[in-house]
C-alpha atoms as a PDB file:
ATOM      1  CA  UNK A   1     -14.576  -5.047 -11.308  1.00  0.00           C
ATOM      2  CA  UNK A   2     -11.722  -5.328  -8.825  1.00  0.00           C
ATOM      3  CA  UNK A   3      -9.741  -8.573  -8.638  1.00  0.00           C
ATOM      4  CA  UNK A   4      -6.751  -9.522  -6.527  1.00  0.00           C
ATOM      5  CA  UNK A   5      -4.554 -12.597  -6.127  1.00  0.00           C
ATOM      6  CA  UNK A   6      -1.362 -13.701  -4.444  1.00  0.00           C
ATOM      7  CA  UNK A   7       1.764 -12.971  -6.476  1.00  0.00           C
ATOM      8  CA  UNK A   8       4.725 -15.131  -7.352  1.00  0.00           C
ATOM      9  CA  UNK A   9       6.783 -12.322  -5.811  1.00  0.00           C
ATOM     10  CA  UNK A  10       7.005 -13.222  -2.099  1.00  0.00           C
ATOM     11  CA  UNK A  11       4.527 -11.284   0.032  1.00  0.00           C
ATOM     12  CA  UNK A  12       3.130  -9.322  -2.928  1.00  0.00           C
ATOM     13  CA  UNK A  13      -0.363  -9.158  -4.434  1.00  0.00           C
ATOM     14  CA  UNK A  14      -1.434  -8.668  -8.039  1.00  0.00           C
ATOM     15  CA  UNK A  15      -4.629  -6.727  -8.638  1.00  0.00           C
ATOM     16  CA  UNK A  16      -6.639  -5.346 -11.526  1.00  0.00           C
ATOM     17  CA  UNK A  17      -9.482  -2.885 -11.824  1.00  0.00           C
ATOM     18  CA  UNK A  18     -11.736  -2.752 -14.868  1.00  0.00           C
ATOM     19  CA  UNK A  19     -14.166  -0.209 -16.251  1.00  0.00           C
ATOM     20  CA  UNK A  20     -17.047  -1.741 -14.316  1.00  0.00           C
ATOM     21  CA  UNK A  21     -15.408  -0.638 -11.064  1.00  0.00           C
ATOM     22  CA  UNK A  22     -14.911   3.063 -11.704  1.00  0.00           C
ATOM     23  CA  UNK A  23     -16.719   4.855  -8.875  1.00  0.00           C
ATOM     24  CA  UNK A  24     -14.774   7.473  -6.967  1.00  0.00           C
ATOM     25  CA  UNK A  25     -13.475   6.602  -3.544  1.00  0.00           C
ATOM     26  CA  UNK A  26     -10.683   6.419  -1.001  1.00  0.00           C
ATOM     27  CA  UNK A  27      -7.373   4.582  -1.133  1.00  0.00           C
ATOM     28  CA  UNK A  28      -6.289   3.956   2.453  1.00  0.00           C
ATOM     29  CA  UNK A  29      -2.709   3.989   3.768  1.00  0.00           C
ATOM     30  CA  UNK A  30      -1.363   0.447   4.094  1.00  0.00           C
ATOM     31  CA  UNK A  31       2.425   0.767   4.210  1.00  0.00           C
ATOM     32  CA  UNK A  32       2.838  -0.667   0.706  1.00  0.00           C
ATOM     33  CA  UNK A  33       4.352   0.524  -2.556  1.00  0.00           C
ATOM     34  CA  UNK A  34       2.729  -0.490  -5.865  1.00  0.00           C
ATOM     35  CA  UNK A  35       4.087  -0.896  -9.369  1.00  0.00           C
ATOM     36  CA  UNK A  36       1.179   0.259 -11.557  1.00  0.00           C
ATOM     37  CA  UNK A  37       0.219  -0.266 -15.192  1.00  0.00           C
ATOM     38  CA  UNK A  38      -2.192   2.376 -16.499  1.00  0.00           C
ATOM     39  CA  UNK A  39      -3.764   1.481 -19.840  1.00  0.00           C
ATOM     40  CA  UNK A  40      -5.987   3.800 -21.852  1.00  0.00           C
ATOM     41  CA  UNK A  41      -6.899   2.892 -25.404  1.00  0.00           C
ATOM     42  CA  UNK A  42      -3.734   1.679 -27.083  1.00  0.00           C
ATOM     43  CA  UNK A  43      -1.399   3.541 -24.741  1.00  0.00           C
ATOM     44  CA  UNK A  44       0.120   2.479 -21.450  1.00  0.00           C
ATOM     45  CA  UNK A  45       2.299   3.876 -18.682  1.00  0.00           C
ATOM     46  CA  UNK A  46       4.180   2.403 -15.740  1.00  0.00           C
ATOM     47  CA  UNK A  47       3.897   4.296 -12.470  1.00  0.00           C
ATOM     48  CA  UNK A  48       4.941   3.825  -8.870  1.00  0.00           C
ATOM     49  CA  UNK A  49       2.532   4.551  -6.020  1.00  0.00           C
ATOM     50  CA  UNK A  50       4.463   5.345  -2.869  1.00  0.00           C
ATOM     51  CA  UNK A  51       3.459   4.703   0.753  1.00  0.00           C
ATOM     52  CA  UNK A  52       0.623   6.985   1.828  1.00  0.00           C
ATOM     53  CA  UNK A  53       0.282   8.842   5.103  1.00  0.00           C
ATOM     54  CA  UNK A  54      -3.317   9.809   4.368  1.00  0.00           C
ATOM     55  CA  UNK A  55      -6.181   8.475   2.308  1.00  0.00           C
ATOM     56  CA  UNK A  56      -6.112   9.414  -1.357  1.00  0.00           C
ATOM     57  CA  UNK A  57      -9.363  10.433  -3.041  1.00  0.00           C
ATOM     58  CA  UNK A  58      -9.567   9.121  -6.586  1.00  0.00           C
ATOM     59  CA  UNK A  59     -12.055   9.548  -9.394  1.00  0.00           C
ATOM     60  CA  UNK A  60     -13.023   6.665 -11.652  1.00  0.00           C
ATOM     61  CA  UNK A  61     -12.563   6.771 -15.413  1.00  0.00           C
ATOM     62  CA  UNK A  62     -14.266   4.104 -17.555  1.00  0.00           C
ATOM     63  CA  UNK A  63     -11.640   4.573 -20.273  1.00  0.00           C
ATOM     64  CA  UNK A  64      -8.737   3.597 -18.016  1.00  0.00           C
ATOM     65  CA  UNK A  65      -7.746   0.110 -16.865  1.00  0.00           C
ATOM     66  CA  UNK A  66      -5.384  -0.415 -13.962  1.00  0.00           C
ATOM     67  CA  UNK A  67      -3.215  -3.374 -13.051  1.00  0.00           C
ATOM     68  CA  UNK A  68      -0.815  -3.356 -10.142  1.00  0.00           C
ATOM     69  CA  UNK A  69       1.679  -5.327  -8.169  1.00  0.00           C
ATOM     70  CA  UNK A  70       1.528  -4.386  -4.493  1.00  0.00           C
ATOM     71  CA  UNK A  71       4.799  -5.183  -2.736  1.00  0.00           C
ATOM     72  CA  UNK A  72       4.844  -6.259   0.886  1.00  0.00           C
ATOM     73  CA  UNK A  73       5.719  -3.373   3.233  1.00  0.00           C
ATOM     74  CA  UNK A  74       9.412  -2.570   3.032  1.00  0.00           C
ATOM     75  CA  UNK A  75      10.204  -4.684  -0.047  1.00  0.00           C
ATOM     76  CA  UNK A  76       9.916  -2.262  -2.969  1.00  0.00           C
ATOM     77  CA  UNK A  77      12.665   0.285  -2.174  1.00  0.00           C
ATOM     78  CA  UNK A  78      15.459  -2.244  -2.631  1.00  0.00           C
ATOM     79  CA  UNK A  79      13.965  -3.163  -6.009  1.00  0.00           C
ATOM     80  CA  UNK A  80      13.328   0.392  -7.168  1.00  0.00           C
ATOM     81  CA  UNK A  81      16.637   1.739  -5.886  1.00  0.00           C
ATOM     82  CA  UNK A  82      14.870   4.610  -4.133  1.00  0.00           C
ATOM     83  CA  UNK A  83      14.331   5.003  -0.366  1.00  0.00           C
ATOM     84  CA  UNK A  84      10.729   4.714   0.711  1.00  0.00           C
ATOM     85  CA  UNK A  85      10.529   8.201   2.160  1.00  0.00           C
ATOM     86  CA  UNK A  86      11.422   9.666  -1.264  1.00  0.00           C
ATOM     87  CA  UNK A  87       8.159   8.179  -2.569  1.00  0.00           C
ATOM     88  CA  UNK A  88       5.936   9.020   0.389  1.00  0.00           C
ATOM     89  CA  UNK A  89       2.480  10.248  -0.695  1.00  0.00           C
ATOM     90  CA  UNK A  90       3.674  10.276  -4.326  1.00  0.00           C
ATOM     91  CA  UNK A  91       2.606   8.824  -7.667  1.00  0.00           C
ATOM     92  CA  UNK A  92       5.525   9.012 -10.098  1.00  0.00           C
ATOM     93  CA  UNK A  93       6.291   7.614 -13.561  1.00  0.00           C
ATOM     94  CA  UNK A  94       8.731   4.725 -13.436  1.00  0.00           C
ATOM     95  CA  UNK A  95      10.738   6.615 -16.056  1.00  0.00           C
ATOM     96  CA  UNK A  96      11.555   9.242 -13.416  1.00  0.00           C
ATOM     97  CA  UNK A  97      13.228   6.544 -11.315  1.00  0.00           C
ATOM     98  CA  UNK A  98      14.814   4.271 -13.928  1.00  0.00           C
ATOM     99  CA  UNK A  99      15.246   6.574 -16.886  1.00  0.00           C
ATOM    100  CA  UNK A 100      13.174   6.852 -20.076  1.00  0.00           C
ATOM    101  CA  UNK A 101      14.999   4.185 -22.109  1.00  0.00           C
ATOM    102  CA  UNK A 102      14.682   1.396 -19.545  1.00  0.00           C
ATOM    103  CA  UNK A 103      11.119   2.379 -18.666  1.00  0.00           C
ATOM    104  CA  UNK A 104      10.110   2.470 -22.345  1.00  0.00           C
ATOM    105  CA  UNK A 105      11.413  -1.079 -22.851  1.00  0.00           C
ATOM    106  CA  UNK A 106       9.360  -2.262 -19.881  1.00  0.00           C
ATOM    107  CA  UNK A 107       6.249  -0.419 -21.079  1.00  0.00           C
ATOM    108  CA  UNK A 108       6.544  -2.197 -24.424  1.00  0.00           C
ATOM    109  CA  UNK A 109       6.952  -5.536 -22.635  1.00  0.00           C
ATOM    110  CA  UNK A 110       3.800  -5.035 -20.554  1.00  0.00           C
ATOM    111  CA  UNK A 111       1.839  -3.709 -23.532  1.00  0.00           C
ATOM    112  CA  UNK A 112       2.651  -6.878 -25.523  1.00  0.00           C
ATOM    113  CA  UNK A 113       1.769  -9.227 -22.674  1.00  0.00           C
ATOM    114  CA  UNK A 114      -1.467 -11.213 -22.649  1.00  0.00           C
ATOM    115  CA  UNK A 115      -1.782 -10.572 -18.912  1.00  0.00           C
ATOM    116  CA  UNK A 116      -0.399  -7.294 -17.593  1.00  0.00           C
ATOM    117  CA  UNK A 117      -0.229  -8.657 -14.041  1.00  0.00           C
ATOM    118  CA  UNK A 118       2.038 -11.515 -15.093  1.00  0.00           C
ATOM    119  CA  UNK A 119       4.277  -9.038 -16.935  1.00  0.00           C
ATOM    120  CA  UNK A 120       4.563  -6.923 -13.786  1.00  0.00           C
ATOM    121  CA  UNK A 121       5.544 -10.047 -11.866  1.00  0.00           C
ATOM    122  CA  UNK A 122       8.281 -10.771 -14.404  1.00  0.00           C
ATOM    123  CA  UNK A 123       9.652  -7.266 -13.924  1.00  0.00           C
ATOM    124  CA  UNK A 124       9.482  -7.537 -10.137  1.00  0.00           C
ATOM    125  CA  UNK A 125      11.159 -10.951 -10.172  1.00  0.00           C
ATOM    126  CA  UNK A 126      14.409  -8.945 -10.218  1.00  0.00           C
ATOM    127  CA  UNK A 127      13.682  -7.739  -6.676  1.00  0.00           C
ATOM    128  CA  UNK A 128      16.179  -8.826  -3.994  1.00  0.00           C
ATOM    129  CA  UNK A 129      14.824 -11.161  -1.310  1.00  0.00           C
ATOM    130  CA  UNK A 130      12.870  -9.529   1.493  1.00  0.00           C
ATOM    131  CA  UNK A 131      15.060  -8.379   4.370  1.00  0.00           C
ATOM    132  CA  UNK A 132      14.275 -10.571   7.425  1.00  0.00           C
ATOM    133  CA  UNK A 133      14.717  -7.555   9.724  1.00  0.00           C
ATOM    134  CA  UNK A 134      12.161  -5.607   7.702  1.00  0.00           C
ATOM    135  CA  UNK A 135       9.700  -8.491   7.842  1.00  0.00           C
ATOM    136  CA  UNK A 136      10.241  -8.797  11.594  1.00  0.00           C
ATOM    137  CA  UNK A 137       9.709  -5.064  12.082  1.00  0.00           C
ATOM    138  CA  UNK A 138       6.269  -5.285  10.468  1.00  0.00           C
ATOM    139  CA  UNK A 139       5.325  -8.367  12.473  1.00  0.00           C
ATOM    140  CA  UNK A 140       6.464  -6.925  15.794  1.00  0.00           C
ATOM    141  CA  UNK A 141       4.806  -3.535  15.277  1.00  0.00           C
ATOM    142  CA  UNK A 142       1.595  -5.169  14.048  1.00  0.00           C
ATOM    143  CA  UNK A 143       1.644  -7.287  17.187  1.00  0.00           C
ATOM    144  CA  UNK A 144       1.643  -4.193  19.376  1.00  0.00           C
ATOM    145  CA  UNK A 145       5.328  -3.922  20.175  1.00  0.00           C
ATOM    146  CA  UNK A 146       6.639  -0.493  21.058  1.00  0.00           C
ATOM    147  CA  UNK A 147       9.398   1.102  19.006  1.00  0.00           C
ATOM    148  CA  UNK A 148      11.871   0.494  21.840  1.00  0.00           C
ATOM    149  CA  UNK A 149      10.802  -3.152  22.123  1.00  0.00           C
ATOM    150  CA  UNK A 150      11.141  -3.692  18.378  1.00  0.00           C
ATOM    151  CA  UNK A 151      14.563  -2.059  18.285  1.00  0.00           C
ATOM    152  CA  UNK A 152      15.704  -4.212  21.190  1.00  0.00           C
ATOM    153  CA  UNK A 153      14.355  -7.392  19.575  1.00  0.00           C
ATOM    154  CA  UNK A 154      16.282  -6.592  16.396  1.00  0.00           C
ATOM    155  CA  UNK A 155      19.450  -5.650  18.250  1.00  0.00           C
ATOM    156  CA  UNK A 156      19.269  -2.069  16.992  1.00  0.00           C
ATOM    157  CA  UNK A 157      19.253   1.343  18.560  1.00  0.00           C
ATOM    158  CA  UNK A 158      16.039   3.358  18.309  1.00  0.00           C
ATOM    159  CA  UNK A 159      17.712   5.895  16.001  1.00  0.00           C
ATOM    160  CA  UNK A 160      18.976   3.153  13.710  1.00  0.00           C
ATOM    161  CA  UNK A 161      15.501   1.605  13.553  1.00  0.00           C
ATOM    162  CA  UNK A 162      14.085   5.032  12.731  1.00  0.00           C
ATOM    163  CA  UNK A 163      16.562   5.547   9.882  1.00  0.00           C
ATOM    164  CA  UNK A 164      16.060   2.065   8.459  1.00  0.00           C
ATOM    165  CA  UNK A 165      12.276   2.380   8.681  1.00  0.00           C
ATOM    166  CA  UNK A 166      12.275   5.609   6.684  1.00  0.00           C
ATOM    167  CA  UNK A 167      14.296   3.938   3.943  1.00  0.00           C
ATOM    168  CA  UNK A 168      12.318   0.679   3.905  1.00  0.00           C
ATOM    169  CA  UNK A 169       8.752   1.797   4.603  1.00  0.00           C
ATOM    170  CA  UNK A 170       8.740   5.524   3.956  1.00  0.00           C
ATOM    171  CA  UNK A 171       7.592   6.109   7.540  1.00  0.00           C
ATOM    172  CA  UNK A 172       9.160   6.328  10.980  1.00  0.00           C
ATOM    173  CA  UNK A 173       8.318   3.162  12.929  1.00  0.00           C
ATOM    174  CA  UNK A 174       5.737   5.043  15.009  1.00  0.00           C
ATOM    175  CA  UNK A 175       3.801   5.987  11.877  1.00  0.00           C
ATOM    176  CA  UNK A 176       4.111   2.488  10.416  1.00  0.00           C
ATOM    177  CA  UNK A 177       2.632   1.105  13.642  1.00  0.00           C
ATOM    178  CA  UNK A 178      -0.312   3.509  13.333  1.00  0.00           C
ATOM    179  CA  UNK A 179      -0.885   2.565   9.682  1.00  0.00           C
ATOM    180  CA  UNK A 180      -0.846  -1.143  10.499  1.00  0.00           C
ATOM    181  CA  UNK A 181      -3.261  -0.558  13.376  1.00  0.00           C
ATOM    182  CA  UNK A 182      -5.535   1.428  11.058  1.00  0.00           C
ATOM    183  CA  UNK A 183      -5.630  -1.484   8.616  1.00  0.00           C
ATOM    184  CA  UNK A 184      -6.514  -3.840  11.477  1.00  0.00           C
ATOM    185  CA  UNK A 185      -9.253  -1.490  12.641  1.00  0.00           C
ATOM    186  CA  UNK A 186     -10.811  -0.956   9.209  1.00  0.00           C
ATOM    187  CA  UNK A 187     -10.859  -4.714   8.586  1.00  0.00           C
ATOM    188  CA  UNK A 188     -12.702  -5.177  11.874  1.00  0.00           C
ATOM    189  CA  UNK A 189     -15.191  -2.425  11.118  1.00  0.00           C
ATOM    190  CA  UNK A 190     -15.903  -3.828   7.657  1.00  0.00           C
ATOM    191  CA  UNK A 191     -16.485  -7.273   9.156  1.00  0.00           C
ATOM    192  CA  UNK A 192     -19.327  -5.838  11.224  1.00  0.00           C
ATOM    193  CA  UNK A 193     -17.651  -5.499  14.625  1.00  0.00           C
ATOM    194  CA  UNK A 194     -18.690  -2.583  16.804  1.00  0.00           C
ATOM    195  CA  UNK A 195     -16.371   0.400  17.083  1.00  0.00           C
ATOM    196  CA  UNK A 196     -15.858  -0.285  20.791  1.00  0.00           C
ATOM    197  CA  UNK A 197     -14.782  -3.874  20.142  1.00  0.00           C
ATOM    198  CA  UNK A 198     -12.530  -2.836  17.270  1.00  0.00           C
ATOM    199  CA  UNK A 199     -10.878  -0.221  19.483  1.00  0.00           C
ATOM    200  CA  UNK A 200     -10.151  -2.882  22.093  1.00  0.00           C
ATOM    201  CA  UNK A 201      -8.940  -5.584  19.704  1.00  0.00           C
ATOM    202  CA  UNK A 202      -6.822  -3.277  17.533  1.00  0.00           C
ATOM    203  CA  UNK A 203      -4.975  -1.776  20.492  1.00  0.00           C
ATOM    204  CA  UNK A 204      -6.484   1.698  20.747  1.00  0.00           C
ATOM    205  CA  UNK A 205      -6.763   3.355  24.136  1.00  0.00           C
ATOM    206  CA  UNK A 206     -10.530   3.698  23.717  1.00  0.00           C
ATOM    207  CA  UNK A 207     -13.228   4.319  21.113  1.00  0.00           C
ATOM    208  CA  UNK A 208     -12.446   8.039  21.002  1.00  0.00           C
ATOM    209  CA  UNK A 209      -8.810   7.232  20.178  1.00  0.00           C
ATOM    210  CA  UNK A 210      -9.991   4.987  17.340  1.00  0.00           C
ATOM    211  CA  UNK A 211     -12.188   7.773  15.969  1.00  0.00           C
ATOM    212  CA  UNK A 212      -9.337  10.299  16.080  1.00  0.00           C
ATOM    213  CA  UNK A 213      -6.928   7.995  14.261  1.00  0.00           C
ATOM    214  CA  UNK A 214      -9.439   7.006  11.585  1.00  0.00           C
ATOM    215  CA  UNK A 215     -10.247  10.646  10.933  1.00  0.00           C
ATOM    216  CA  UNK A 216      -6.563  11.651  10.909  1.00  0.00           C
ATOM    217  CA  UNK A 217      -5.731   9.081   8.219  1.00  0.00           C
ATOM    218  CA  UNK A 218      -8.963   8.968   6.200  1.00  0.00           C
ATOM    219  CA  UNK A 219     -10.838  12.210   6.858  1.00  0.00           C
ATOM    220  CA  UNK A 220     -13.936  10.261   7.819  1.00  0.00           C
ATOM    221  CA  UNK A 221     -15.362   8.360  10.787  1.00  0.00           C
ATOM    222  CA  UNK A 222     -15.282   4.680  11.802  1.00  0.00           C
ATOM    223  CA  UNK A 223     -18.996   4.504  11.002  1.00  0.00           C
ATOM    224  CA  UNK A 224     -18.304   4.999   7.294  1.00  0.00           C
ATOM    225  CA  UNK A 225     -16.429   1.674   7.159  1.00  0.00           C
ATOM    226  CA  UNK A 226     -19.119  -0.387   8.825  1.00  0.00           C
ATOM    227  CA  UNK A 227     -21.308  -2.579   6.572  1.00  0.00           C
ATOM    228  CA  UNK A 228     -24.382  -0.363   6.580  1.00  0.00           C
ATOM    229  CA  UNK A 229     -22.339   2.616   5.345  1.00  0.00           C
ATOM    230  CA  UNK A 230     -19.415   1.068   3.497  1.00  0.00           C
ATOM    231  CA  UNK A 231     -19.376   0.862  -0.270  1.00  0.00           C
ATOM    232  CA  UNK A 232     -16.968  -0.271  -2.957  1.00  0.00           C
ATOM    233  CA  UNK A 233     -15.101   2.995  -2.915  1.00  0.00           C
ATOM    234  CA  UNK A 234     -13.444   2.159   0.398  1.00  0.00           C
ATOM    235  CA  UNK A 235     -12.438  -1.423  -0.362  1.00  0.00           C
ATOM    236  CA  UNK A 236      -9.183  -1.718  -2.326  1.00  0.00           C
ATOM    237  CA  UNK A 237      -5.982  -0.746  -0.497  1.00  0.00           C
ATOM    238  CA  UNK A 238      -2.839   1.037  -1.619  1.00  0.00           C
ATOM    239  CA  UNK A 239      -2.500   2.013  -5.284  1.00  0.00           C
ATOM    240  CA  UNK A 240      -5.294  -0.241  -6.455  1.00  0.00           C
ATOM    241  CA  UNK A 241      -7.650   2.594  -7.370  1.00  0.00           C
ATOM    242  CA  UNK A 242      -5.025   5.221  -8.034  1.00  0.00           C
ATOM    243  CA  UNK A 243      -5.589   7.582 -10.940  1.00  0.00           C
ATOM    244  CA  UNK A 244      -2.159   9.217 -10.665  1.00  0.00           C
END
């Protein structure tokens, strides 16, 4: 069973996935980075799921339990000390980023915790506050602003916005805009809206443009996300069904 809740870390979500929810499926790009706890038997491991540029196919395993903290887009790199583009399309042990000694101490802390999600929140409480410019970038791009318009609104040059976006999100701003639009589109399709209406409301040029973008990111068609075709395997975003 998949569960998700708002986190005490601003803008983040805490999620868990149990053995009852172990079908294979797709993890869609969402611009987020997750701190993951993978538990199997009496062992556990902390991993980081970087920002995806394509859907990840994962296979379920009834023996493995997952818990994650999904940071808001652009927030995790300042906490992890690694630029977002260094983690793009990657699943890496936290020990590779913070060293084995520090990571081992944190693994022991999560393993002892009654609730793994709360332990992840305690770890992530060390994160610096979200950068207002990063938050604004997401809001402006999600609202349909062009890269030039966003740069101008932030008082930045386009090249500076590009460089900062790679570090914060793992993507150039153009790709982040496409990922955010994909999320908007998939939400509309899952709610039962027609592909033509979704294309119009999500800011695609037409239905054919929607189909091309969905296929480019997910390898499938808009139809597969509509209620008559959708299934649990396409629901959770980001690292929530990651099997590393």
